[in-house]
Amino acid sequence: MPIKDWPEAERPREKLLSNGAQSLSDAELLALFIRTGIPGKTAIDMAREALLEAGGLRALLNMSRTEIKQFKGIGDAKYVQFSAALELGRRYLMERLERGEAITSPQASRDYLTLQLRDKPYEAFFVMYLDSKHRVIQHQELFRGTIDNASVPVREVVKEALKHNAAAMIVAHNHPSGVAEPSAADRALTETLSLALAMVGVKLLDHFVVGDSQVVSFAEMGALP
């Protein structure tokens, strides 16, 4: 039965208008982007099949254009919509940080860094440069590869902080293994970096380690020098 013939309370669009987006399942949200079904399948049927085959919403949205087009009825137009929705989420979180919520709302930093780093297949060192009111001035992936004192030149980090006239910094890196537990190398790097930045008047506010389902904060652990 086409979705338009379903009871109004069960249609994704009407359900969202009545109860909010949070009331919809992953398949129902995805169906709003797919919009129309194919012969014998509604948009929700297509969404459920795609989620099942991909292994979940996160895996589906991280698929490449070629991979996602393998699903019948999902072409370039849908891929563009999925990618745009994901990018809107990133930009929404960054806008919050640019307003100064990097510290007043640590969860905003955690959410943004998770989106940036969690699904990278390589280890990446990410930096956010902040002004004196803890608003984000700039952010960038600075290094990639094994993250330790040897592979992250502290001098270069300090140089970039001065270049951006930062008053404070938040750094983060991911563990592609999925385990967010900081290593001895992570702890050593944090200490070295914090001391080096302090010498030029820049405060290291936090170091996040991003895993698959957890993000560890050095500040919350009380592990910053």
N, C-alpha and C. Protein backbone atom coordinates (compact mmCIF):
# COMPACT_ATOMS: atom_id res chain seq x y z
N MET A 1 0.84 -1.19 0.00
CA MET A 1 0.00 0.00 0.00
C MET A 1 0.88 1.25 0.00
N PRO A 2 0.67 2.20 -0.91
CA PRO A 2 1.45 3.43 -0.93
C PRO A 2 1.33 4.18 0.40
N ILE A 3 2.37 4.89 0.76
CA ILE A 3 2.37 5.62 2.04
C ILE A 3 1.24 6.63 2.11
N LYS A 4 0.87 7.22 0.97
CA LYS A 4 -0.21 8.23 0.97
C LYS A 4 -1.56 7.63 1.38
N ASP A 5 -1.66 6.30 1.30
CA ASP A 5 -2.91 5.64 1.69
C ASP A 5 -2.86 5.11 3.13
N TRP A 6 -1.75 5.30 3.80
CA TRP A 6 -1.64 4.87 5.21
C TRP A 6 -2.46 5.80 6.09
N PRO A 7 -2.80 5.34 7.30
CA PRO A 7 -3.42 6.26 8.27
C PRO A 7 -2.49 7.46 8.51
N GLU A 8 -3.06 8.63 8.62
CA GLU A 8 -2.27 9.85 8.71
C GLU A 8 -1.23 9.79 9.82
N ALA A 9 -1.57 9.21 10.96
CA ALA A 9 -0.66 9.17 12.10
C ALA A 9 0.56 8.30 11.85
N GLU A 10 0.51 7.45 10.80
CA GLU A 10 1.63 6.55 10.51
C GLU A 10 2.53 7.05 9.38
N ARG A 11 2.10 8.11 8.69
CA ARG A 11 2.90 8.65 7.59
C ARG A 11 4.06 9.46 8.17
N PRO A 12 5.29 9.23 7.70
CA PRO A 12 6.46 9.91 8.28
C PRO A 12 6.35 11.43 8.32
N ARG A 13 5.88 12.03 7.22
CA ARG A 13 5.81 13.49 7.18
C ARG A 13 4.83 14.03 8.22
N GLU A 14 3.64 13.46 8.26
CA GLU A 14 2.62 13.91 9.22
C GLU A 14 3.05 13.61 10.65
N LYS A 15 3.71 12.47 10.83
CA LYS A 15 4.20 12.09 12.16
C LYS A 15 5.23 13.10 12.65
N LEU A 16 6.12 13.53 11.76
CA LEU A 16 7.13 14.54 12.13
C LEU A 16 6.45 15.86 12.50
N LEU A 17 5.47 16.28 11.71
CA LEU A 17 4.79 17.55 11.97
C LEU A 17 4.05 17.52 13.30
N SER A 18 3.52 16.37 13.65
CA SER A 18 2.75 16.26 14.90
C SER A 18 3.63 16.06 16.13
N ASN A 19 4.68 15.22 15.98
CA ASN A 19 5.44 14.80 17.16
C ASN A 19 6.91 15.17 17.14
N GLY A 20 7.40 15.79 16.06
CA GLY A 20 8.80 16.17 15.98
C GLY A 20 9.64 15.09 15.31
N ALA A 21 10.79 15.50 14.79
CA ALA A 21 11.66 14.58 14.06
C ALA A 21 12.17 13.44 14.92
N GLN A 22 12.32 13.69 16.24
CA GLN A 22 12.85 12.67 17.13
C GLN A 22 11.91 11.47 17.27
N SER A 23 10.65 11.63 16.85
CA SER A 23 9.68 10.53 16.98
C SER A 23 9.80 9.53 15.84
N LEU A 24 10.58 9.86 14.81
CA LEU A 24 10.70 8.99 13.65
C LEU A 24 11.85 8.00 13.80
N SER A 25 11.68 6.82 13.26
CA SER A 25 12.75 5.83 13.22
C SER A 25 13.76 6.23 12.16
N ASP A 26 14.91 5.56 12.14
CA ASP A 26 15.92 5.83 11.11
C ASP A 26 15.32 5.62 9.72
N ALA A 27 14.56 4.55 9.56
CA ALA A 27 13.97 4.25 8.25
C ALA A 27 12.97 5.33 7.83
N GLU A 28 12.20 5.81 8.77
CA GLU A 28 11.21 6.86 8.46
C GLU A 28 11.90 8.17 8.08
N LEU A 29 12.96 8.53 8.80
CA LEU A 29 13.70 9.74 8.45
C LEU A 29 14.32 9.61 7.07
N LEU A 30 14.91 8.46 6.79
CA LEU A 30 15.54 8.23 5.50
C LEU A 30 14.50 8.26 4.38
N ALA A 31 13.31 7.75 4.67
CA ALA A 31 12.25 7.72 3.66
C ALA A 31 11.83 9.13 3.25
N LEU A 32 11.96 10.09 4.15
CA LEU A 32 11.61 11.47 3.80
C LEU A 32 12.54 12.01 2.73
N PHE A 33 13.78 11.52 2.70
CA PHE A 33 14.73 11.93 1.66
C PHE A 33 14.50 11.13 0.37
N ILE A 34 14.20 9.85 0.53
CA ILE A 34 13.96 9.02 -0.65
C ILE A 34 12.67 9.46 -1.36
N ARG A 35 11.68 9.85 -0.58
CA ARG A 35 10.42 10.45 -1.04
C ARG A 35 9.50 9.49 -1.77
N THR A 36 9.93 8.94 -2.87
CA THR A 36 9.04 8.06 -3.66
C THR A 36 9.60 6.65 -3.73
N GLY A 37 8.70 5.70 -3.72
CA GLY A 37 9.12 4.31 -3.80
C GLY A 37 9.27 3.85 -5.24
N ILE A 38 9.44 2.57 -5.39
CA ILE A 38 9.52 1.94 -6.70
C ILE A 38 8.42 0.88 -6.75
N PRO A 39 8.11 0.35 -7.91
CA PRO A 39 7.03 -0.65 -7.98
C PRO A 39 7.21 -1.78 -6.96
N GLY A 40 6.20 -1.94 -6.12
CA GLY A 40 6.22 -3.01 -5.13
C GLY A 40 6.87 -2.64 -3.81
N LYS A 41 7.46 -1.45 -3.72
CA LYS A 41 8.13 -1.04 -2.48
C LYS A 41 7.87 0.43 -2.20
N THR A 42 7.54 0.73 -0.96
CA THR A 42 7.40 2.12 -0.54
C THR A 42 8.78 2.69 -0.23
N ALA A 43 8.85 4.00 -0.02
CA ALA A 43 10.10 4.64 0.35
C ALA A 43 10.62 4.09 1.67
N ILE A 44 9.71 3.72 2.57
CA ILE A 44 10.13 3.15 3.86
C ILE A 44 10.69 1.74 3.65
N ASP A 45 10.10 0.96 2.79
CA ASP A 45 10.65 -0.37 2.47
C ASP A 45 12.07 -0.23 1.94
N MET A 46 12.26 0.72 1.02
CA MET A 46 13.58 0.94 0.45
C MET A 46 14.58 1.38 1.51
N ALA A 47 14.12 2.24 2.42
CA ALA A 47 14.99 2.74 3.48
C ALA A 47 15.40 1.60 4.41
N ARG A 48 14.46 0.75 4.78
CA ARG A 48 14.75 -0.38 5.68
C ARG A 48 15.76 -1.33 5.04
N GLU A 49 15.57 -1.61 3.75
CA GLU A 49 16.48 -2.53 3.06
C GLU A 49 17.89 -1.93 2.99
N ALA A 50 17.97 -0.63 2.69
CA ALA A 50 19.28 0.02 2.59
C ALA A 50 19.99 0.03 3.93
N LEU A 51 19.24 0.31 5.00
CA LEU A 51 19.83 0.33 6.34
C LEU A 51 20.32 -1.07 6.74
N LEU A 52 19.52 -2.08 6.42
CA LEU A 52 19.89 -3.45 6.77
C LEU A 52 21.13 -3.89 6.01
N GLU A 53 21.17 -3.60 4.72
CA GLU A 53 22.30 -4.03 3.89
C GLU A 53 23.57 -3.25 4.23
N ALA A 54 23.42 -1.96 4.55
CA ALA A 54 24.59 -1.14 4.87
C ALA A 54 25.13 -1.43 6.27
N GLY A 55 24.23 -1.87 7.17
CA GLY A 55 24.65 -2.12 8.54
C GLY A 55 24.32 -0.99 9.48
N GLY A 56 23.34 -0.15 9.09
CA GLY A 56 22.91 0.94 9.97
C GLY A 56 23.02 2.29 9.29
N LEU A 57 22.47 3.29 9.96
CA LEU A 57 22.42 4.64 9.39
C LEU A 57 23.80 5.25 9.23
N ARG A 58 24.63 5.11 10.24
CA ARG A 58 25.98 5.68 10.17
C ARG A 58 26.76 5.10 9.00
N ALA A 59 26.70 3.78 8.84
CA ALA A 59 27.43 3.14 7.74
C ALA A 59 26.88 3.58 6.39
N LEU A 60 25.56 3.73 6.31
CA LEU A 60 24.94 4.13 5.05
C LEU A 60 25.37 5.54 4.65
N LEU A 61 25.34 6.47 5.60
CA LEU A 61 25.68 7.86 5.29
C LEU A 61 27.16 8.05 5.01
N ASN A 62 27.98 7.09 5.42
CA ASN A 62 29.41 7.18 5.14
C ASN A 62 29.81 6.47 3.84
N MET A 63 28.82 5.93 3.14
CA MET A 63 29.11 5.26 1.89
C MET A 63 29.49 6.27 0.80
N SER A 64 30.29 5.82 -0.14
CA SER A 64 30.66 6.66 -1.28
C SER A 64 29.50 6.75 -2.26
N ARG A 65 29.61 7.65 -3.19
CA ARG A 65 28.58 7.81 -4.22
C ARG A 65 28.36 6.49 -4.98
N THR A 66 29.44 5.83 -5.33
CA THR A 66 29.33 4.57 -6.08
C THR A 66 28.64 3.50 -5.24
N GLU A 67 29.01 3.41 -3.97
CA GLU A 67 28.43 2.38 -3.10
C GLU A 67 26.93 2.60 -2.90
N ILE A 68 26.55 3.84 -2.65
CA ILE A 68 25.15 4.10 -2.30
C ILE A 68 24.23 3.94 -3.51
N LYS A 69 24.79 4.12 -4.72
CA LYS A 69 23.99 3.98 -5.94
C LYS A 69 23.71 2.52 -6.28
N GLN A 70 24.30 1.60 -5.53
CA GLN A 70 24.03 0.18 -5.76
C GLN A 70 22.63 -0.21 -5.28
N PHE A 71 22.05 0.63 -4.41
CA PHE A 71 20.69 0.35 -3.93
C PHE A 71 19.69 0.78 -5.00
N LYS A 72 18.81 -0.10 -5.38
CA LYS A 72 17.84 0.19 -6.42
C LYS A 72 16.94 1.35 -6.01
N GLY A 73 16.83 2.33 -6.89
CA GLY A 73 15.97 3.48 -6.63
C GLY A 73 16.68 4.63 -5.94
N ILE A 74 17.96 4.43 -5.57
CA ILE A 74 18.73 5.50 -4.91
C ILE A 74 19.86 5.90 -5.84
N GLY A 75 19.74 7.06 -6.44
CA GLY A 75 20.74 7.53 -7.40
C GLY A 75 21.46 8.76 -6.92
N ASP A 76 21.98 9.53 -7.86
CA ASP A 76 22.76 10.71 -7.53
C ASP A 76 21.97 11.73 -6.71
N ALA A 77 20.70 11.91 -7.06
CA ALA A 77 19.89 12.92 -6.35
C ALA A 77 19.77 12.59 -4.87
N LYS A 78 19.56 11.32 -4.55
CA LYS A 78 19.44 10.92 -3.15
C LYS A 78 20.79 11.00 -2.44
N TYR A 79 21.85 10.60 -3.16
CA TYR A 79 23.19 10.70 -2.58
C TYR A 79 23.50 12.15 -2.22
N VAL A 80 23.14 13.07 -3.10
CA VAL A 80 23.36 14.50 -2.83
C VAL A 80 22.59 14.93 -1.58
N GLN A 81 21.36 14.48 -1.44
CA GLN A 81 20.55 14.86 -0.28
C GLN A 81 21.14 14.30 1.02
N PHE A 82 21.56 13.03 0.99
CA PHE A 82 22.16 12.42 2.18
C PHE A 82 23.42 13.18 2.59
N SER A 83 24.27 13.47 1.60
CA SER A 83 25.53 14.18 1.87
C SER A 83 25.27 15.57 2.41
N ALA A 84 24.26 16.24 1.84
CA ALA A 84 23.92 17.59 2.30
C ALA A 84 23.42 17.57 3.74
N ALA A 85 22.61 16.57 4.08
CA ALA A 85 22.09 16.47 5.45
C ALA A 85 23.22 16.27 6.45
N LEU A 86 24.20 15.43 6.09
CA LEU A 86 25.33 15.18 6.98
C LEU A 86 26.17 16.44 7.14
N GLU A 87 26.39 17.16 6.05
CA GLU A 87 27.18 18.38 6.11
C GLU A 87 26.46 19.48 6.90
N LEU A 88 25.14 19.53 6.79
CA LEU A 88 24.37 20.49 7.59
C LEU A 88 24.58 20.23 9.08
N GLY A 89 24.61 18.95 9.47
CA GLY A 89 24.87 18.62 10.86
C GLY A 89 26.22 19.12 11.32
N ARG A 90 27.26 18.92 10.50
CA ARG A 90 28.60 19.40 10.84
C ARG A 90 28.61 20.92 11.00
N ARG A 91 27.97 21.60 10.05
CA ARG A 91 28.00 23.06 10.07
C ARG A 91 27.19 23.64 11.23
N TYR A 92 26.11 22.96 11.58
CA TYR A 92 25.32 23.39 12.74
C TYR A 92 26.17 23.33 14.00
N LEU A 93 26.88 22.22 14.17
CA LEU A 93 27.73 22.07 15.36
C LEU A 93 28.87 23.07 15.36
N MET A 94 29.48 23.33 14.19
CA MET A 94 30.56 24.29 14.12
C MET A 94 30.06 25.69 14.43
N GLU A 95 28.86 26.03 13.99
CA GLU A 95 28.32 27.36 14.28
C GLU A 95 28.15 27.56 15.78
N ARG A 96 27.75 26.51 16.48
CA ARG A 96 27.64 26.60 17.94
C ARG A 96 29.00 26.87 18.57
N LEU A 97 30.02 26.20 18.04
CA LEU A 97 31.37 26.39 18.58
C LEU A 97 31.88 27.79 18.26
N GLU A 98 31.53 28.32 17.10
CA GLU A 98 31.97 29.66 16.72
C GLU A 98 31.31 30.73 17.59
N ARG A 99 30.19 30.38 18.23
CA ARG A 99 29.54 31.33 19.13
C ARG A 99 30.11 31.25 20.54
N GLY A 100 31.05 30.36 20.75
CA GLY A 100 31.68 30.29 22.06
C GLY A 100 31.27 29.12 22.91
N GLU A 101 30.63 28.11 22.31
CA GLU A 101 30.14 26.98 23.09
C GLU A 101 31.15 25.85 23.20
N ALA A 102 32.39 26.09 22.73
CA ALA A 102 33.41 25.04 22.80
C ALA A 102 33.66 24.62 24.24
N ILE A 103 33.53 25.55 25.17
CA ILE A 103 33.78 25.25 26.57
C ILE A 103 32.49 25.28 27.38
N THR A 104 31.60 26.25 27.11
CA THR A 104 30.35 26.31 27.88
C THR A 104 29.48 25.08 27.61
N SER A 105 29.67 24.46 26.45
CA SER A 105 28.96 23.22 26.14
C SER A 105 29.96 22.20 25.60
N PRO A 106 30.69 21.51 26.48
CA PRO A 106 31.68 20.53 26.02
C PRO A 106 31.09 19.48 25.08
N GLN A 107 29.79 19.20 25.25
CA GLN A 107 29.16 18.20 24.39
C GLN A 107 29.15 18.64 22.94
N ALA A 108 29.07 19.96 22.70
CA ALA A 108 29.10 20.47 21.33
C ALA A 108 30.44 20.14 20.68
N SER A 109 31.52 20.32 21.43
CA SER A 109 32.85 19.97 20.91
C SER A 109 32.94 18.48 20.66
N ARG A 110 32.44 17.70 21.60
CA ARG A 110 32.49 16.24 21.47
C ARG A 110 31.71 15.77 20.24
N ASP A 111 30.52 16.32 20.05
CA ASP A 111 29.69 15.93 18.91
C ASP A 111 30.36 16.29 17.59
N TYR A 112 30.91 17.50 17.52
CA TYR A 112 31.54 17.95 16.28
C TYR A 112 32.77 17.10 15.95
N LEU A 113 33.60 16.86 16.95
CA LEU A 113 34.82 16.09 16.72
C LEU A 113 34.50 14.64 16.37
N THR A 114 33.43 14.11 16.93
CA THR A 114 33.00 12.76 16.57
C THR A 114 32.64 12.69 15.09
N LEU A 115 31.88 13.68 14.62
CA LEU A 115 31.52 13.71 13.20
C LEU A 115 32.75 13.85 12.31
N GLN A 116 33.73 14.61 12.76
CA GLN A 116 34.92 14.85 11.97
C GLN A 116 35.85 13.64 11.92
N LEU A 117 35.96 12.92 13.04
CA LEU A 117 37.06 11.96 13.17
C LEU A 117 36.66 10.49 13.27
N ARG A 118 35.48 10.19 13.76
CA ARG A 118 35.17 8.81 14.14
C ARG A 118 35.33 7.81 13.00
N ASP A 119 34.94 8.19 11.80
CA ASP A 119 34.91 7.22 10.71
C ASP A 119 36.11 7.31 9.77
N LYS A 120 37.12 8.05 10.14
CA LYS A 120 38.32 8.09 9.30
C LYS A 120 39.07 6.77 9.42
N PRO A 121 39.55 6.23 8.30
CA PRO A 121 40.26 4.94 8.34
C PRO A 121 41.70 5.07 8.81
N TYR A 122 42.16 6.29 8.99
CA TYR A 122 43.53 6.54 9.44
C TYR A 122 43.48 7.40 10.71
N GLU A 123 44.57 7.43 11.43
CA GLU A 123 44.65 8.25 12.63
C GLU A 123 44.95 9.69 12.23
N ALA A 124 44.14 10.62 12.72
CA ALA A 124 44.27 12.03 12.34
C ALA A 124 44.34 12.91 13.59
N PHE A 125 45.15 13.96 13.50
CA PHE A 125 45.30 14.93 14.59
C PHE A 125 44.59 16.20 14.16
N PHE A 126 43.55 16.57 14.91
CA PHE A 126 42.66 17.68 14.55
C PHE A 126 42.80 18.79 15.60
N VAL A 127 42.79 20.03 15.13
CA VAL A 127 43.01 21.17 16.03
C VAL A 127 41.91 22.21 15.85
N MET A 128 41.43 22.76 16.96
CA MET A 128 40.55 23.93 16.94
C MET A 128 41.25 25.07 17.65
N TYR A 129 41.41 26.18 16.95
CA TYR A 129 42.05 27.38 17.51
C TYR A 129 40.95 28.31 18.03
N LEU A 130 41.08 28.74 19.27
CA LEU A 130 40.03 29.53 19.91
C LEU A 130 40.54 30.91 20.29
N ASP A 131 39.62 31.88 20.33
CA ASP A 131 39.99 33.22 20.81
C ASP A 131 39.82 33.28 22.33
N SER A 132 39.97 34.46 22.90
CA SER A 132 39.93 34.59 24.37
C SER A 132 38.54 34.30 24.95
N LYS A 133 37.50 34.33 24.11
CA LYS A 133 36.14 34.01 24.56
C LYS A 133 35.76 32.58 24.20
N HIS A 134 36.76 31.83 23.80
CA HIS A 134 36.59 30.41 23.45
C HIS A 134 35.67 30.19 22.26
N ARG A 135 35.70 31.14 21.32
CA ARG A 135 35.03 30.96 20.04
C ARG A 135 36.05 30.40 19.05
N VAL A 136 35.59 29.53 18.17
CA VAL A 136 36.51 28.92 17.22
C VAL A 136 36.91 29.92 16.15
N ILE A 137 38.22 30.12 16.00
CA ILE A 137 38.78 30.98 14.96
C ILE A 137 38.95 30.17 13.68
N GLN A 138 39.52 29.00 13.83
CA GLN A 138 39.82 28.12 12.70
C GLN A 138 39.93 26.70 13.20
N HIS A 139 39.78 25.75 12.30
CA HIS A 139 39.93 24.34 12.67
C HIS A 139 40.53 23.62 11.49
N GLN A 140 41.33 22.60 11.75
CA GLN A 140 41.96 21.88 10.66
C GLN A 140 42.49 20.52 11.09
N GLU A 141 42.57 19.62 10.13
CA GLU A 141 43.30 18.37 10.35
C GLU A 141 44.77 18.71 10.09
N LEU A 142 45.58 18.60 11.13
CA LEU A 142 46.95 19.08 11.04
C LEU A 142 47.93 17.98 10.62
N PHE A 143 47.72 16.78 11.14
CA PHE A 143 48.60 15.66 10.82
C PHE A 143 47.79 14.38 10.69
N ARG A 144 48.35 13.41 10.01
CA ARG A 144 47.72 12.09 9.97
C ARG A 144 48.81 11.02 10.06
N GLY A 145 48.42 9.89 10.58
CA GLY A 145 49.38 8.83 10.85
C GLY A 145 49.40 8.53 12.33
N THR A 146 50.36 7.78 12.80
CA THR A 146 50.47 7.46 14.22
C THR A 146 50.64 8.74 15.03
N ILE A 147 49.79 8.91 16.05
CA ILE A 147 49.83 10.13 16.84
C ILE A 147 50.66 9.90 18.11
N ASP A 148 51.86 10.49 18.14
CA ASP A 148 52.69 10.47 19.33
C ASP A 148 53.68 11.63 19.24
N ASN A 149 54.58 11.71 20.20
CA ASN A 149 55.53 12.83 20.22
C ASN A 149 56.40 12.88 18.98
N ALA A 150 56.64 11.73 18.36
CA ALA A 150 57.52 11.68 17.20
C ALA A 150 56.82 12.16 15.94
N SER A 151 55.54 11.81 15.78
CA SER A 151 54.84 12.11 14.54
C SER A 151 54.07 13.42 14.56
N VAL A 152 53.88 14.02 15.74
CA VAL A 152 53.23 15.32 15.85
C VAL A 152 54.29 16.33 16.29
N PRO A 153 54.88 17.06 15.35
CA PRO A 153 55.91 18.04 15.71
C PRO A 153 55.30 19.16 16.54
N VAL A 154 55.62 19.19 17.82
CA VAL A 154 55.03 20.18 18.72
C VAL A 154 55.35 21.59 18.25
N ARG A 155 56.53 21.76 17.69
CA ARG A 155 56.93 23.08 17.19
C ARG A 155 55.95 23.57 16.12
N GLU A 156 55.51 22.67 15.25
CA GLU A 156 54.58 23.04 14.19
C GLU A 156 53.20 23.40 14.76
N VAL A 157 52.79 22.69 15.80
CA VAL A 157 51.51 22.99 16.45
C VAL A 157 51.55 24.39 17.06
N VAL A 158 52.64 24.69 17.75
CA VAL A 158 52.81 26.01 18.36
C VAL A 158 52.85 27.09 17.27
N LYS A 159 53.55 26.81 16.21
CA LYS A 159 53.65 27.76 15.09
C LYS A 159 52.27 28.07 14.51
N GLU A 160 51.44 27.05 14.34
CA GLU A 160 50.09 27.26 13.81
C GLU A 160 49.22 28.05 14.79
N ALA A 161 49.39 27.77 16.08
CA ALA A 161 48.62 28.51 17.09
C ALA A 161 48.94 30.00 17.04
N LEU A 162 50.22 30.33 16.90
CA LEU A 162 50.63 31.73 16.80
C LEU A 162 50.15 32.35 15.49
N LYS A 163 50.21 31.58 14.43
CA LYS A 163 49.75 32.05 13.12
C LYS A 163 48.29 32.49 13.17
N HIS A 164 47.48 31.73 13.91
CA HIS A 164 46.05 32.03 14.01
C HIS A 164 45.72 32.96 15.19
N ASN A 165 46.76 33.42 15.87
CA ASN A 165 46.58 34.32 17.02
C ASN A 165 45.63 33.72 18.06
N ALA A 166 45.81 32.44 18.32
CA ALA A 166 44.92 31.72 19.24
C ALA A 166 45.26 32.03 20.69
N ALA A 167 44.23 32.14 21.50
CA ALA A 167 44.41 32.29 22.95
C ALA A 167 44.32 30.93 23.63
N ALA A 168 43.66 30.01 22.97
CA ALA A 168 43.48 28.67 23.53
C ALA A 168 43.30 27.67 22.39
N MET A 169 43.42 26.40 22.71
CA MET A 169 43.28 25.35 21.71
C MET A 169 42.60 24.12 22.29
N ILE A 170 41.90 23.43 21.42
CA ILE A 170 41.40 22.09 21.72
C ILE A 170 41.97 21.19 20.64
N VAL A 171 42.57 20.08 21.03
CA VAL A 171 43.10 19.14 20.05
C VAL A 171 42.37 17.81 20.21
N ALA A 172 42.41 17.03 19.16
CA ALA A 172 41.75 15.73 19.19
C ALA A 172 42.40 14.80 18.19
N HIS A 173 42.30 13.52 18.45
CA HIS A 173 42.68 12.54 17.45
C HIS A 173 41.81 11.31 17.63
N ASN A 174 41.75 10.51 16.60
CA ASN A 174 40.92 9.31 16.62
C ASN A 174 41.76 8.05 16.75
N HIS A 175 41.12 7.01 17.24
CA HIS A 175 41.71 5.67 17.27
C HIS A 175 40.90 4.81 16.30
N PRO A 176 41.41 4.56 15.10
CA PRO A 176 40.67 3.74 14.13
C PRO A 176 40.30 2.35 14.66
N SER A 177 41.01 1.89 15.69
CA SER A 177 40.67 0.60 16.29
C SER A 177 39.30 0.63 16.95
N GLY A 178 38.82 1.86 17.25
CA GLY A 178 37.52 2.01 17.89
C GLY A 178 37.61 2.16 19.39
N VAL A 179 38.75 1.87 19.99
CA VAL A 179 38.92 1.96 21.44
C VAL A 179 39.46 3.34 21.79
N ALA A 180 38.73 4.08 22.62
CA ALA A 180 39.09 5.47 22.91
C ALA A 180 40.05 5.63 24.08
N GLU A 181 40.43 4.54 24.73
CA GLU A 181 41.32 4.63 25.89
C GLU A 181 42.65 5.29 25.50
N PRO A 182 43.02 6.41 26.15
CA PRO A 182 44.29 7.07 25.80
C PRO A 182 45.49 6.18 26.09
N SER A 183 46.44 6.20 25.17
CA SER A 183 47.66 5.42 25.33
C SER A 183 48.69 6.23 26.10
N ALA A 184 49.80 5.57 26.46
CA ALA A 184 50.89 6.28 27.12
C ALA A 184 51.44 7.37 26.21
N ALA A 185 51.48 7.10 24.89
CA ALA A 185 51.94 8.11 23.93
C ALA A 185 50.99 9.30 23.89
N ASP A 186 49.68 9.05 23.99
CA ASP A 186 48.70 10.14 24.01
C ASP A 186 48.92 11.03 25.22
N ARG A 187 49.18 10.41 26.36
CA ARG A 187 49.38 11.17 27.60
C ARG A 187 50.67 11.99 27.52
N ALA A 188 51.72 11.39 26.98
CA ALA A 188 53.00 12.10 26.86
C ALA A 188 52.87 13.29 25.91
N LEU A 189 52.18 13.08 24.80
CA LEU A 189 51.98 14.16 23.84
C LEU A 189 51.19 15.30 24.46
N THR A 190 50.15 14.97 25.20
CA THR A 190 49.32 15.99 25.84
C THR A 190 50.15 16.85 26.79
N GLU A 191 50.98 16.21 27.58
CA GLU A 191 51.81 16.95 28.53
C GLU A 191 52.81 17.85 27.80
N THR A 192 53.48 17.30 26.80
CA THR A 192 54.48 18.07 26.04
C THR A 192 53.83 19.26 25.34
N LEU A 193 52.68 19.01 24.72
CA LEU A 193 51.98 20.05 23.98
C LEU A 193 51.47 21.15 24.91
N SER A 194 50.90 20.76 26.03
CA SER A 194 50.38 21.74 26.99
C SER A 194 51.48 22.66 27.50
N LEU A 195 52.62 22.10 27.82
CA LEU A 195 53.73 22.90 28.34
C LEU A 195 54.31 23.82 27.26
N ALA A 196 54.43 23.30 26.04
CA ALA A 196 54.98 24.11 24.95
C ALA A 196 54.06 25.28 24.61
N LEU A 197 52.75 25.03 24.58
CA LEU A 197 51.80 26.09 24.28
C LEU A 197 51.76 27.14 25.39
N ALA A 198 51.87 26.68 26.63
CA ALA A 198 51.85 27.61 27.77
C ALA A 198 53.01 28.60 27.69
N MET A 199 54.13 28.18 27.13
CA MET A 199 55.30 29.05 27.02
C MET A 199 55.06 30.23 26.08
N VAL A 200 54.09 30.10 25.16
CA VAL A 200 53.78 31.22 24.25
C VAL A 200 52.41 31.81 24.57
N GLY A 201 51.89 31.50 25.76
CA GLY A 201 50.64 32.12 26.21
C GLY A 201 49.37 31.53 25.63
N VAL A 202 49.43 30.29 25.15
CA VAL A 202 48.25 29.62 24.61
C VAL A 202 47.87 28.48 25.54
N LYS A 203 46.61 28.42 25.94
CA LYS A 203 46.18 27.40 26.89
C LYS A 203 45.57 26.20 26.15
N LEU A 204 46.05 25.02 26.47
CA LEU A 204 45.44 23.80 25.95
C LEU A 204 44.24 23.46 26.83
N LEU A 205 43.04 23.61 26.27
CA LEU A 205 41.83 23.42 27.06
C LEU A 205 41.41 21.96 27.16
N ASP A 206 41.71 21.19 26.13
CA ASP A 206 41.32 19.78 26.18
C ASP A 206 41.99 19.00 25.05
N HIS A 207 42.08 17.72 25.25
CA HIS A 207 42.53 16.77 24.23
C HIS A 207 41.51 15.64 24.24
N PHE A 208 40.82 15.48 23.13
CA PHE A 208 39.82 14.43 23.00
C PHE A 208 40.40 13.25 22.23
N VAL A 209 40.09 12.06 22.67
CA VAL A 209 40.42 10.84 21.93
C VAL A 209 39.10 10.23 21.48
N VAL A 210 38.94 10.13 20.17
CA VAL A 210 37.67 9.69 19.58
C VAL A 210 37.74 8.22 19.19
N GLY A 211 36.87 7.43 19.79
CA GLY A 211 36.77 6.02 19.43
C GLY A 211 35.49 5.76 18.66
N ASP A 212 35.10 4.52 18.59
CA ASP A 212 33.91 4.16 17.82
C ASP A 212 32.63 4.59 18.52
N SER A 213 32.53 4.34 19.79
CA SER A 213 31.30 4.66 20.52
C SER A 213 31.56 5.51 21.76
N GLN A 214 32.77 6.00 21.91
CA GLN A 214 33.13 6.78 23.09
C GLN A 214 34.15 7.85 22.71
N VAL A 215 34.06 8.99 23.39
CA VAL A 215 35.04 10.06 23.24
C VAL A 215 35.57 10.38 24.63
N VAL A 216 36.87 10.25 24.80
CA VAL A 216 37.50 10.49 26.10
C VAL A 216 38.10 11.89 26.13
N SER A 217 37.81 12.63 27.20
CA SER A 217 38.32 13.98 27.38
C SER A 217 39.39 13.99 28.46
N PHE A 218 40.57 14.50 28.12
CA PHE A 218 41.64 14.63 29.12
C PHE A 218 41.23 15.60 30.22
N ALA A 219 40.50 16.67 29.86
CA ALA A 219 40.08 17.64 30.88
C ALA A 219 39.14 17.00 31.87
N GLU A 220 38.18 16.20 31.38
CA GLU A 220 37.23 15.56 32.27
C GLU A 220 37.90 14.52 33.16
N MET A 221 38.98 13.92 32.67
CA MET A 221 39.72 12.94 33.47
C MET A 221 40.63 13.63 34.48
N GLY A 222 40.79 14.95 34.35
CA GLY A 222 41.73 15.68 35.21
C GLY A 222 43.16 15.36 34.83
N ALA A 223 43.39 15.05 33.54
CA ALA A 223 44.72 14.59 33.10
C ALA A 223 45.49 15.65 32.33
N LEU A 224 44.99 16.90 32.34
CA LEU A 224 45.76 17.98 31.70
C LEU A 224 46.79 18.53 32.70
N PRO A 225 47.99 18.84 32.24
CA PRO A 225 49.01 19.39 33.16
C PRO A 225 48.56 20.71 33.78
